[in-house]
PDB file of N, CA and C in Angstrom:
ATOM      1  N   MET A   1     -48.524 -39.456  10.830  1.00  0.00           N
ATOM      2  CA  MET A   1     -49.659 -39.947  12.107  1.00  0.00           C
ATOM      3  C   MET A   1     -48.935 -39.752  13.340  1.00  0.00           C
ATOM      4  N   GLU A   2     -49.646 -38.646  14.105  1.00  0.00           N
ATOM      5  CA  GLU A   2     -49.188 -38.952  15.899  1.00  0.00           C
ATOM      6  C   GLU A   2     -50.300 -39.480  16.470  1.00  0.00           C
ATOM      7  N   ILE A   3     -49.496 -40.241  17.378  1.00  0.00           N
ATOM      8  CA  ILE A   3     -50.451 -40.523  18.580  1.00  0.00           C
ATOM      9  C   ILE A   3     -50.614 -40.052  20.139  1.00  0.00           C
ATOM     10  N   ALA A   4     -51.547 -39.293  20.635  1.00  0.00           N
ATOM     11  CA  ALA A   4     -51.231 -38.487  21.397  1.00  0.00           C
ATOM     12  C   ALA A   4     -51.337 -39.338  22.782  1.00  0.00           C
ATOM     13  N   ARG A   5     -50.886 -39.166  23.783  1.00  0.00           N
ATOM     14  CA  ARG A   5     -50.600 -39.565  24.853  1.00  0.00           C
ATOM     15  C   ARG A   5     -51.848 -40.272  25.443  1.00  0.00           C
ATOM     16  N   GLU A   6     -52.816 -39.404  25.408  1.00  0.00           N
ATOM     17  CA  GLU A   6     -54.282 -40.226  25.702  1.00  0.00           C
ATOM     18  C   GLU A   6     -55.068 -41.412  24.971  1.00  0.00           C
ATOM     19  N   GLN A   7     -54.493 -40.984  23.816  1.00  0.00           N
ATOM     20  CA  GLN A   7     -54.917 -42.336  22.558  1.00  0.00           C
ATOM     21  C   GLN A   7     -54.126 -43.572  23.264  1.00  0.00           C
ATOM     22  N   LEU A   8     -52.771 -43.381  23.481  1.00  0.00           N
ATOM     23  CA  LEU A   8     -51.919 -44.308  23.802  1.00  0.00           C
ATOM     24  C   LEU A   8     -52.222 -44.989  25.252  1.00  0.00           C
ATOM     25  N   ILE A   9     -52.932 -44.099  26.041  1.00  0.00           N
ATOM     26  CA  ILE A   9     -53.265 -44.719  27.316  1.00  0.00           C
ATOM     27  C   ILE A   9     -54.429 -45.356  27.154  1.00  0.00           C
ATOM     28  N   ARG A  10     -55.271 -45.012  26.092  1.00  0.00           N
ATOM     29  CA  ARG A  10     -56.567 -45.793  25.938  1.00  0.00           C
ATOM     30  C   ARG A  10     -56.417 -47.083  25.227  1.00  0.00           C
ATOM     31  N   ARG A  11     -55.254 -46.990  24.308  1.00  0.00           N
ATOM     32  CA  ARG A  11     -54.940 -48.182  23.588  1.00  0.00           C
ATOM     33  C   ARG A  11     -54.488 -49.404  24.678  1.00  0.00           C
ATOM     34  N   VAL A  12     -53.535 -48.943  25.524  1.00  0.00           N
ATOM     35  CA  VAL A  12     -53.070 -49.798  26.237  1.00  0.00           C
ATOM     36  C   VAL A  12     -53.798 -50.267  27.303  1.00  0.00           C
ATOM     37  N   ALA A  13     -54.711 -49.441  27.814  1.00  0.00           N
ATOM     38  CA  ALA A  13     -55.577 -49.823  28.637  1.00  0.00           C
ATOM     39  C   ALA A  13     -56.713 -51.089  28.135  1.00  0.00           C
ATOM     40  N   GLU A  14     -56.924 -50.791  26.886  1.00  0.00           N
ATOM     41  CA  GLU A  14     -57.940 -51.811  26.312  1.00  0.00           C
ATOM     42  C   GLU A  14     -56.902 -53.254  26.030  1.00  0.00           C
ATOM     43  N   GLU A  15     -55.764 -53.077  25.749  1.00  0.00           N
ATOM     44  CA  GLU A  15     -54.997 -54.161  25.371  1.00  0.00           C
ATOM     45  C   GLU A  15     -54.921 -54.878  26.802  1.00  0.00           C
ATOM     46  N   ALA A  16     -54.514 -54.344  27.811  1.00  0.00           N
ATOM     47  CA  ALA A  16     -54.299 -54.904  29.184  1.00  0.00           C
ATOM     48  C   ALA A  16     -55.641 -55.213  30.179  1.00  0.00           C
ATOM     49  N   ASN A  17     -56.626 -54.885  29.536  1.00  0.00           N
ATOM     50  CA  ASN A  17     -57.745 -54.938  30.370  1.00  0.00           C
ATOM     51  C   ASN A  17     -57.910 -53.926  31.697  1.00  0.00           C
ATOM     52  N   TYR A  18     -57.096 -52.872  31.799  1.00  0.00           N
ATOM     53  CA  TYR A  18     -56.975 -52.157  32.865  1.00  0.00           C
ATOM     54  C   TYR A  18     -57.992 -50.829  32.514  1.00  0.00           C
ATOM     55  N   TRP A  19     -58.594 -50.229  33.686  1.00  0.00           N
ATOM     56  CA  TRP A  19     -59.136 -49.155  33.759  1.00  0.00           C
ATOM     57  C   TRP A  19     -57.620 -47.882  32.883  1.00  0.00           C
ATOM     58  N   GLN A  20     -58.520 -47.034  32.119  1.00  0.00           N
ATOM     59  CA  GLN A  20     -57.410 -45.696  31.578  1.00  0.00           C
ATOM     60  C   GLN A  20     -56.919 -45.002  32.767  1.00  0.00           C
ATOM     61  N   LYS A  21     -57.609 -44.873  33.881  1.00  0.00           N
ATOM     62  CA  LYS A  21     -57.182 -44.074  35.156  1.00  0.00           C
ATOM     63  C   LYS A  21     -55.916 -44.915  35.493  1.00  0.00           C
ATOM     64  N   ASP A  22     -55.777 -46.220  35.531  1.00  0.00           N
ATOM     65  CA  ASP A  22     -54.616 -46.787  36.102  1.00  0.00           C
ATOM     66  C   ASP A  22     -53.728 -46.878  35.136  1.00  0.00           C
ATOM     67  N   VAL A  23     -53.882 -46.882  34.065  1.00  0.00           N
ATOM     68  CA  VAL A  23     -52.736 -46.959  32.850  1.00  0.00           C
ATOM     69  C   VAL A  23     -52.219 -45.380  33.182  1.00  0.00           C
ATOM     70  N   ARG A  24     -53.077 -44.117  32.955  1.00  0.00           N
ATOM     71  CA  ARG A  24     -52.483 -42.946  33.068  1.00  0.00           C
ATOM     72  C   ARG A  24     -51.718 -43.121  34.274  1.00  0.00           C
ATOM     73  N   ASN A  25     -52.164 -43.493  35.706  1.00  0.00           N
ATOM     74  CA  ASN A  25     -50.954 -43.459  36.659  1.00  0.00           C
ATOM     75  C   ASN A  25     -49.900 -44.129  36.551  1.00  0.00           C
ATOM     76  N   VAL A  26     -49.812 -45.188  35.760  1.00  0.00           N
ATOM     77  CA  VAL A  26     -48.495 -46.033  35.412  1.00  0.00           C
ATOM     78  C   VAL A  26     -47.702 -45.134  34.682  1.00  0.00           C
ATOM     79  N   PHE A  27     -48.288 -44.508  33.394  1.00  0.00           N
ATOM     80  CA  PHE A  27     -47.573 -43.441  32.516  1.00  0.00           C
ATOM     81  C   PHE A  27     -46.944 -42.253  33.180  1.00  0.00           C
ATOM     82  N   ASN A  28     -47.927 -41.793  34.325  1.00  0.00           N
ATOM     83  CA  ASN A  28     -47.396 -40.681  34.797  1.00  0.00           C
ATOM     84  C   ASN A  28     -46.041 -41.048  36.007  1.00  0.00           C
ATOM     85  N   ALA A  29     -46.214 -42.143  36.494  1.00  0.00           N
ATOM     86  CA  ALA A  29     -45.221 -43.062  37.404  1.00  0.00           C
ATOM     87  C   ALA A  29     -43.977 -43.233  36.606  1.00  0.00           C
ATOM     88  N   LEU A  30     -44.054 -43.591  35.527  1.00  0.00           N
ATOM     89  CA  LEU A  30     -42.901 -43.886  34.673  1.00  0.00           C
ATOM     90  C   LEU A  30     -42.382 -42.472  34.026  1.00  0.00           C
ATOM     91  N   GLU A  31     -42.892 -41.603  33.653  1.00  0.00           N
ATOM     92  CA  GLU A  31     -42.278 -40.287  33.421  1.00  0.00           C
ATOM     93  C   GLU A  31     -41.877 -39.612  34.280  1.00  0.00           C
ATOM     94  N   LYS A  32     -42.187 -39.674  35.668  1.00  0.00           N
ATOM     95  CA  LYS A  32     -41.546 -39.290  36.918  1.00  0.00           C
ATOM     96  C   LYS A  32     -40.384 -40.003  37.049  1.00  0.00           C
ATOM     97  N   VAL A  33     -40.359 -41.417  36.999  1.00  0.00           N
ATOM     98  CA  VAL A  33     -39.150 -41.995  37.284  1.00  0.00           C
ATOM     99  C   VAL A  33     -37.921 -41.938  36.406  1.00  0.00           C
ATOM    100  N   VAL A  34     -38.599 -41.731  35.128  1.00  0.00           N
ATOM    101  CA  VAL A  34     -37.461 -41.724  33.842  1.00  0.00           C
ATOM    102  C   VAL A  34     -36.610 -40.357  33.889  1.00  0.00           C
ATOM    103  N   LEU A  35     -37.590 -38.944  34.311  1.00  0.00           N
ATOM    104  CA  LEU A  35     -37.049 -38.252  34.525  1.00  0.00           C
ATOM    105  C   LEU A  35     -35.981 -37.899  35.893  1.00  0.00           C
ATOM    106  N   GLU A  36     -36.252 -38.539  36.921  1.00  0.00           N
ATOM    107  CA  GLU A  36     -35.624 -38.598  38.318  1.00  0.00           C
ATOM    108  C   GLU A  36     -34.260 -39.462  37.873  1.00  0.00           C
ATOM    109  N   CYS A  37     -34.281 -40.610  37.038  1.00  0.00           N
ATOM    110  CA  CYS A  37     -32.959 -41.087  36.480  1.00  0.00           C
ATOM    111  C   CYS A  37     -31.961 -40.388  35.582  1.00  0.00           C
ATOM    112  N   PHE A  38     -32.811 -39.766  34.851  1.00  0.00           N
ATOM    113  CA  PHE A  38     -31.969 -38.747  33.823  1.00  0.00           C
ATOM    114  C   PHE A  38     -31.239 -37.524  34.489  1.00  0.00           C
ATOM    115  N   GLY A  39     -31.909 -37.209  35.772  1.00  0.00           N
ATOM    116  CA  GLY A  39     -31.263 -36.125  36.566  1.00  0.00           C
ATOM    117  C   GLY A  39     -30.367 -36.540  37.558  1.00  0.00           C
ATOM    118  N   GLU A  40     -30.271 -38.180  37.526  1.00  0.00           N
ATOM    119  CA  GLU A  40     -28.974 -38.586  38.384  1.00  0.00           C
ATOM    120  C   GLU A  40     -27.822 -38.855  37.437  1.00  0.00           C
ATOM    121  N   VAL A  41     -27.633 -38.572  35.915  1.00  0.00           N
ATOM    122  CA  VAL A  41     -26.890 -38.900  35.098  1.00  0.00           C
ATOM    123  C   VAL A  41     -25.479 -38.062  35.704  1.00  0.00           C
ATOM    124  N   SER A  42     -24.269 -38.600  35.686  1.00  0.00           N
ATOM    125  CA  SER A  42     -23.166 -37.688  35.957  1.00  0.00           C
ATOM    126  C   SER A  42     -22.192 -37.481  35.019  1.00  0.00           C
ATOM    127  N   ASP A  43     -20.970 -36.902  35.267  1.00  0.00           N
ATOM    128  CA  ASP A  43     -20.426 -36.466  34.009  1.00  0.00           C
ATOM    129  C   ASP A  43     -19.953 -37.663  33.472  1.00  0.00           C
ATOM    130  N   ASP A  44     -19.126 -38.327  34.492  1.00  0.00           N
ATOM    131  CA  ASP A  44     -18.379 -39.793  34.285  1.00  0.00           C
ATOM    132  C   ASP A  44     -19.108 -40.975  34.021  1.00  0.00           C
ATOM    133  N   GLU A  45     -20.432 -41.021  34.086  1.00  0.00           N
ATOM    134  CA  GLU A  45     -21.183 -42.219  33.767  1.00  0.00           C
ATOM    135  C   GLU A  45     -22.383 -41.958  33.002  1.00  0.00           C
ATOM    136  N   PRO A  46     -22.399 -42.349  31.576  1.00  0.00           N
ATOM    137  CA  PRO A  46     -23.808 -42.463  30.961  1.00  0.00           C
ATOM    138  C   PRO A  46     -24.494 -43.164  31.755  1.00  0.00           C
ATOM    139  N   ILE A  47     -26.122 -42.883  31.147  1.00  0.00           N
ATOM    140  CA  ILE A  47     -27.031 -43.957  31.835  1.00  0.00           C
ATOM    141  C   ILE A  47     -27.910 -44.490  30.494  1.00  0.00           C
ATOM    142  N   SER A  48     -28.627 -45.522  30.589  1.00  0.00           N
ATOM    143  CA  SER A  48     -29.208 -46.337  29.837  1.00  0.00           C
ATOM    144  C   SER A  48     -30.651 -46.605  30.361  1.00  0.00           C
ATOM    145  N   ILE A  49     -31.393 -46.643  30.063  1.00  0.00           N
ATOM    146  CA  ILE A  49     -33.109 -46.682  30.639  1.00  0.00           C
ATOM    147  C   ILE A  49     -33.413 -47.437  29.132  1.00  0.00           C
ATOM    148  N   ARG A  50     -33.826 -48.973  29.807  1.00  0.00           N
ATOM    149  CA  ARG A  50     -34.793 -49.784  28.771  1.00  0.00           C
ATOM    150  C   ARG A  50     -36.103 -49.724  29.107  1.00  0.00           C
ATOM    151  N   ILE A  51     -36.957 -48.933  28.438  1.00  0.00           N
ATOM    152  CA  ILE A  51     -38.364 -48.571  28.490  1.00  0.00           C
ATOM    153  C   ILE A  51     -38.960 -49.848  27.937  1.00  0.00           C
ATOM    154  N   LEU A  52     -38.976 -50.255  26.827  1.00  0.00           N
ATOM    155  CA  LEU A  52     -39.486 -51.543  26.413  1.00  0.00           C
ATOM    156  C   LEU A  52     -38.301 -52.680  25.927  1.00  0.00           C
ATOM    157  N   GLN A  53     -38.832 -54.024  25.674  1.00  0.00           N
ATOM    158  CA  GLN A  53     -37.831 -54.932  25.174  1.00  0.00           C
ATOM    159  C   GLN A  53     -37.403 -54.210  23.582  1.00  0.00           C
ATOM    160  N   GLY A  54     -36.471 -53.971  23.355  1.00  0.00           N
ATOM    161  CA  GLY A  54     -35.758 -53.536  22.158  1.00  0.00           C
ATOM    162  C   GLY A  54     -35.818 -51.963  22.444  1.00  0.00           C
ATOM    163  N   LEU A  55     -36.271 -51.149  23.318  1.00  0.00           N
ATOM    164  CA  LEU A  55     -36.130 -49.844  23.000  1.00  0.00           C
ATOM    165  C   LEU A  55     -35.583 -49.086  24.266  1.00  0.00           C
ATOM    166  N   ALA A  56     -34.410 -48.386  24.026  1.00  0.00           N
ATOM    167  CA  ALA A  56     -33.526 -47.965  25.399  1.00  0.00           C
ATOM    168  C   ALA A  56     -33.542 -46.456  24.983  1.00  0.00           C
ATOM    169  N   LEU A  57     -33.330 -45.557  26.297  1.00  0.00           N
ATOM    170  CA  LEU A  57     -33.227 -44.264  26.096  1.00  0.00           C
ATOM    171  C   LEU A  57     -32.020 -43.939  26.657  1.00  0.00           C
ATOM    172  N   HIS A  58     -30.784 -43.453  26.145  1.00  0.00           N
ATOM    173  CA  HIS A  58     -29.433 -43.115  26.672  1.00  0.00           C
ATOM    174  C   HIS A  58     -29.289 -41.692  26.870  1.00  0.00           C
ATOM    175  N   GLY A  59     -28.617 -41.406  27.976  1.00  0.00           N
ATOM    176  CA  GLY A  59     -28.122 -40.132  28.242  1.00  0.00           C
ATOM    177  C   GLY A  59     -26.744 -39.994  28.381  1.00  0.00           C
ATOM    178  N   TYR A  60     -26.051 -38.783  28.317  1.00  0.00           N
ATOM    179  CA  TYR A  60     -24.959 -38.655  28.774  1.00  0.00           C
ATOM    180  C   TYR A  60     -24.603 -37.203  28.820  1.00  0.00           C
ATOM    181  N   VAL A  61     -23.518 -36.468  29.582  1.00  0.00           N
ATOM    182  CA  VAL A  61     -23.202 -35.180  29.744  1.00  0.00           C
ATOM    183  C   VAL A  61     -22.338 -34.968  28.867  1.00  0.00           C
ATOM    184  N   VAL A  62     -22.569 -33.494  28.241  1.00  0.00           N
ATOM    185  CA  VAL A  62     -21.280 -32.867  27.790  1.00  0.00           C
ATOM    186  C   VAL A  62     -21.047 -31.762  28.580  1.00  0.00           C
ATOM    187  N   PRO A  63     -19.906 -31.997  29.145  1.00  0.00           N
ATOM    188  CA  PRO A  63     -19.152 -31.075  29.720  1.00  0.00           C
ATOM    189  C   PRO A  63     -19.168 -29.709  29.271  1.00  0.00           C
ATOM    190  N   GLU A  64     -18.714 -28.803  30.244  1.00  0.00           N
ATOM    191  CA  GLU A  64     -18.787 -27.300  29.527  1.00  0.00           C
ATOM    192  C   GLU A  64     -17.485 -27.446  28.806  1.00  0.00           C
ATOM    193  N   ARG A  65     -17.778 -26.402  27.733  1.00  0.00           N
ATOM    194  CA  ARG A  65     -16.883 -26.293  26.657  1.00  0.00           C
ATOM    195  C   ARG A  65     -16.730 -24.976  26.475  1.00  0.00           C
ATOM    196  N   GLU A  66     -15.756 -24.120  25.765  1.00  0.00           N
ATOM    197  CA  GLU A  66     -15.506 -23.066  25.544  1.00  0.00           C
ATOM    198  C   GLU A  66     -15.794 -23.181  23.458  1.00  0.00           C
ATOM    199  N   ARG A  67     -16.648 -22.179  23.156  1.00  0.00           N
ATOM    200  CA  ARG A  67     -16.741 -22.232  21.801  1.00  0.00           C
ATOM    201  C   ARG A  67     -16.818 -21.025  21.277  1.00  0.00           C
ATOM    202  N   VAL A  68     -16.838 -20.302  20.032  1.00  0.00           N
ATOM    203  CA  VAL A  68     -16.749 -19.140  19.648  1.00  0.00           C
ATOM    204  C   VAL A  68     -17.914 -18.358  19.244  1.00  0.00           C
ATOM    205  N   ASN A  69     -18.265 -17.095  19.646  1.00  0.00           N
ATOM    206  CA  ASN A  69     -19.382 -16.878  19.149  1.00  0.00           C
ATOM    207  C   ASN A  69     -19.156 -16.216  17.571  1.00  0.00           C
ATOM    208  N   PRO A  70     -20.385 -16.852  16.840  1.00  0.00           N
ATOM    209  CA  PRO A  70     -20.208 -16.489  15.381  1.00  0.00           C
ATOM    210  C   PRO A  70     -20.392 -15.087  14.968  1.00  0.00           C
ATOM    211  N   GLN A  71     -21.207 -14.311  15.888  1.00  0.00           N
ATOM    212  CA  GLN A  71     -21.335 -12.985  15.363  1.00  0.00           C
ATOM    213  C   GLN A  71     -20.176 -11.960  15.759  1.00  0.00           C
ATOM    214  N   ASP A  72     -19.537 -12.216  16.833  1.00  0.00           N
ATOM    215  CA  ASP A  72     -18.235 -11.207  16.847  1.00  0.00           C
ATOM    216  C   ASP A  72     -16.614 -12.076  17.023  1.00  0.00           C
ATOM    217  N   GLN A  73     -16.884 -13.439  17.349  1.00  0.00           N
ATOM    218  CA  GLN A  73     -15.909 -14.188  17.281  1.00  0.00           C
ATOM    219  C   GLN A  73     -15.331 -14.362  18.600  1.00  0.00           C
ATOM    220  N   SER A  74     -15.859 -13.837  19.566  1.00  0.00           N
ATOM    221  CA  SER A  74     -15.372 -13.814  20.999  1.00  0.00           C
ATOM    222  C   SER A  74     -15.725 -15.288  21.603  1.00  0.00           C
ATOM    223  N   PRO A  75     -14.885 -15.463  22.523  1.00  0.00           N
ATOM    224  CA  PRO A  75     -15.136 -16.844  23.182  1.00  0.00           C
ATOM    225  C   PRO A  75     -16.052 -16.827  24.217  1.00  0.00           C
ATOM    226  N   ILE A  76     -17.233 -18.142  24.105  1.00  0.00           N
ATOM    227  CA  ILE A  76     -18.226 -18.052  25.222  1.00  0.00           C
ATOM    228  C   ILE A  76     -18.071 -19.384  26.008  1.00  0.00           C
ATOM    229  N   ILE A  77     -18.499 -19.542  26.834  1.00  0.00           N
ATOM    230  CA  ILE A  77     -18.613 -20.784  27.835  1.00  0.00           C
ATOM    231  C   ILE A  77     -19.790 -21.519  27.578  1.00  0.00           C
ATOM    232  N   CYS A  78     -20.060 -22.659  26.782  1.00  0.00           N
ATOM    233  CA  CYS A  78     -21.271 -23.316  27.019  1.00  0.00           C
ATOM    234  C   CYS A  78     -21.476 -24.334  28.247  1.00  0.00           C
ATOM    235  N   PRO A  79     -22.462 -24.310  28.942  1.00  0.00           N
ATOM    236  CA  PRO A  79     -22.498 -25.087  30.212  1.00  0.00           C
ATOM    237  C   PRO A  79     -22.696 -26.498  29.828  1.00  0.00           C
ATOM    238  N   PRO A  80     -22.421 -27.161  30.942  1.00  0.00           N
ATOM    239  CA  PRO A  80     -22.664 -28.750  30.733  1.00  0.00           C
ATOM    240  C   PRO A  80     -24.321 -28.817  30.239  1.00  0.00           C
ATOM    241  N   THR A  81     -24.388 -30.038  29.669  1.00  0.00           N
ATOM    242  CA  THR A  81     -25.761 -30.374  29.097  1.00  0.00           C
ATOM    243  C   THR A  81     -25.866 -31.882  29.196  1.00  0.00           C
ATOM    244  N   VAL A  82     -26.982 -32.256  28.927  1.00  0.00           N
ATOM    245  CA  VAL A  82     -27.405 -33.497  29.141  1.00  0.00           C
ATOM    246  C   VAL A  82     -27.881 -33.602  27.520  1.00  0.00           C
ATOM    247  N   LYS A  83     -27.269 -34.721  26.949  1.00  0.00           N
ATOM    248  CA  LYS A  83     -27.798 -35.400  25.686  1.00  0.00           C
ATOM    249  C   LYS A  83     -28.625 -36.643  25.849  1.00  0.00           C
ATOM    250  N   VAL A  84     -29.784 -36.778  25.192  1.00  0.00           N
ATOM    251  CA  VAL A  84     -30.731 -37.847  24.897  1.00  0.00           C
ATOM    252  C   VAL A  84     -30.768 -38.493  23.556  1.00  0.00           C
ATOM    253  N   SER A  85     -30.721 -39.814  23.590  1.00  0.00           N
ATOM    254  CA  SER A  85     -31.088 -40.224  22.554  1.00  0.00           C
ATOM    255  C   SER A  85     -32.050 -41.618  22.792  1.00  0.00           C
ATOM    256  N   ALA A  86     -32.598 -42.178  21.829  1.00  0.00           N
ATOM    257  CA  ALA A  86     -33.226 -43.467  21.881  1.00  0.00           C
ATOM    258  C   ALA A  86     -32.476 -44.372  21.094  1.00  0.00           C
ATOM    259  N   LYS A  87     -32.494 -45.546  21.259  1.00  0.00           N
ATOM    260  CA  LYS A  87     -31.795 -46.795  20.532  1.00  0.00           C
ATOM    261  C   LYS A  87     -32.906 -47.944  20.391  1.00  0.00           C
ATOM    262  N   TYR A  88     -32.969 -48.527  19.278  1.00  0.00           N
ATOM    263  CA  TYR A  88     -33.818 -49.656  19.061  1.00  0.00           C
ATOM    264  C   TYR A  88     -32.916 -50.945  18.479  1.00  0.00           C
ATOM    265  N   SER A  89     -33.255 -51.836  19.114  1.00  0.00           N
ATOM    266  CA  SER A  89     -32.705 -53.129  18.455  1.00  0.00           C
ATOM    267  C   SER A  89     -33.370 -53.554  17.287  1.00  0.00           C
ATOM    268  N   ASP A  90     -32.297 -54.363  16.851  1.00  0.00           N
ATOM    269  CA  ASP A  90     -32.774 -55.304  15.528  1.00  0.00           C
ATOM    270  C   ASP A  90     -34.135 -55.804  15.599  1.00  0.00           C
ATOM    271  N   LEU A  91     -34.078 -56.763  16.515  1.00  0.00           N
ATOM    272  CA  LEU A  91     -35.380 -57.288  16.622  1.00  0.00           C
ATOM    273  C   LEU A  91     -36.582 -56.438  16.705  1.00  0.00           C
ATOM    274  N   PHE A  92     -36.649 -55.338  17.304  1.00  0.00           N
ATOM    275  CA  PHE A  92     -37.764 -54.646  17.624  1.00  0.00           C
ATOM    276  C   PHE A  92     -38.001 -53.851  16.111  1.00  0.00           C
ATOM    277  N   LYS A  93     -36.874 -53.515  15.633  1.00  0.00           N
ATOM    278  CA  LYS A  93     -37.187 -52.845  14.153  1.00  0.00           C
ATOM    279  C   LYS A  93     -37.716 -54.124  13.314  1.00  0.00           C
ATOM    280  N   LYS A  94     -37.088 -55.382  13.482  1.00  0.00           N
ATOM    281  CA  LYS A  94     -38.081 -56.510  12.633  1.00  0.00           C
ATOM    282  C   LYS A  94     -39.068 -56.744  12.706  1.00  0.00           C
ATOM    283  N   LYS A  95     -39.776 -56.514  14.158  1.00  0.00           N
ATOM    284  CA  LYS A  95     -41.141 -56.759  14.826  1.00  0.00           C
ATOM    285  C   LYS A  95     -41.928 -55.659  14.067  1.00  0.00           C
ATOM    286  N   ILE A  96     -41.400 -54.361  14.163  1.00  0.00           N
ATOM    287  CA  ILE A  96     -42.431 -52.999  13.400  1.00  0.00           C
ATOM    288  C   ILE A  96     -42.312 -53.605  12.104  1.00  0.00           C
ATOM    289  N   GLN A  97     -41.333 -54.063  10.962  1.00  0.00           N
ATOM    290  CA  GLN A  97     -41.386 -54.071   9.848  1.00  0.00           C
ATOM    291  C   GLN A  97     -42.629 -55.327   9.773  1.00  0.00           C
ATOM    292  N   GLU A  98     -42.560 -56.250  10.323  1.00  0.00           N
ATOM    293  CA  GLU A  98     -43.365 -57.468  10.521  1.00  0.00           C
ATOM    294  C   GLU A  98     -44.854 -56.941  10.387  1.00  0.00           C
ATOM    295  N   GLN A  99     -45.071 -56.307  11.408  1.00  0.00           N
ATOM    296  CA  GLN A  99     -46.599 -55.375  11.901  1.00  0.00           C
ATOM    297  C   GLN A  99     -46.699 -54.383  10.383  1.00  0.00           C
ATOM    298  N   TYR A 100     -46.009 -54.039   9.830  1.00  0.00           N
ATOM    299  CA  TYR A 100     -46.283 -53.196   8.674  1.00  0.00           C
ATOM    300  C   TYR A 100     -46.445 -54.038   7.394  1.00  0.00           C
ATOM    301  N   ASP A 101     -45.991 -55.121   7.131  1.00  0.00           N
ATOM    302  CA  ASP A 101     -45.812 -56.369   6.228  1.00  0.00           C
ATOM    303  C   ASP A 101     -47.373 -56.551   6.076  1.00  0.00           C
ATOM    304  N   GLU A 102     -47.555 -57.247   7.719  1.00  0.00           N
ATOM    305  CA  GLU A 102     -49.063 -57.890   7.696  1.00  0.00           C
ATOM    306  C   GLU A 102     -49.932 -56.772   7.280  1.00  0.00           C
ATOM    307  N   LYS A 103     -49.967 -55.671   7.681  1.00  0.00           N
ATOM    308  CA  LYS A 103     -51.162 -54.653   7.526  1.00  0.00           C
ATOM    309  C   LYS A 103     -50.769 -54.538   5.801  1.00  0.00           C
ATOM    310  N   ALA A 104     -49.824 -54.359   5.305  1.00  0.00           N
ATOM    311  CA  ALA A 104     -49.831 -54.503   3.635  1.00  0.00           C
ATOM    312  C   ALA A 104     -50.733 -55.419   2.646  1.00  0.00           C
ATOM    313  N   LYS A 105     -50.423 -56.496   3.505  1.00  0.00           N
ATOM    314  CA  LYS A 105     -51.080 -57.617   2.582  1.00  0.00           C
ATOM    315  C   LYS A 105     -52.459 -57.324   2.374  1.00  0.00           C
TER     316      LYS A 105
END
């Protein structure tokens, strides 16, 4: 199952008793701020952004490095890249499991 962004906006608006356009504005602003924060990540300092209680996005820079081209074994330089991952707390995972268990009853 995939929940599209608009479906999520609709559900959050219903849960919070807000207009969908207001929730959409918040989602747009959140996306912009998160992207700006990841744009500020530096080579020597990783970033961690707590999106929800129990859910965080992490990012770090992999520095420029030399690799070998598998086609001809010539050296190539890989530019610096930002790697992003998500981490979930054990409590968050437990709450998800509890939601599932309640539905299964």
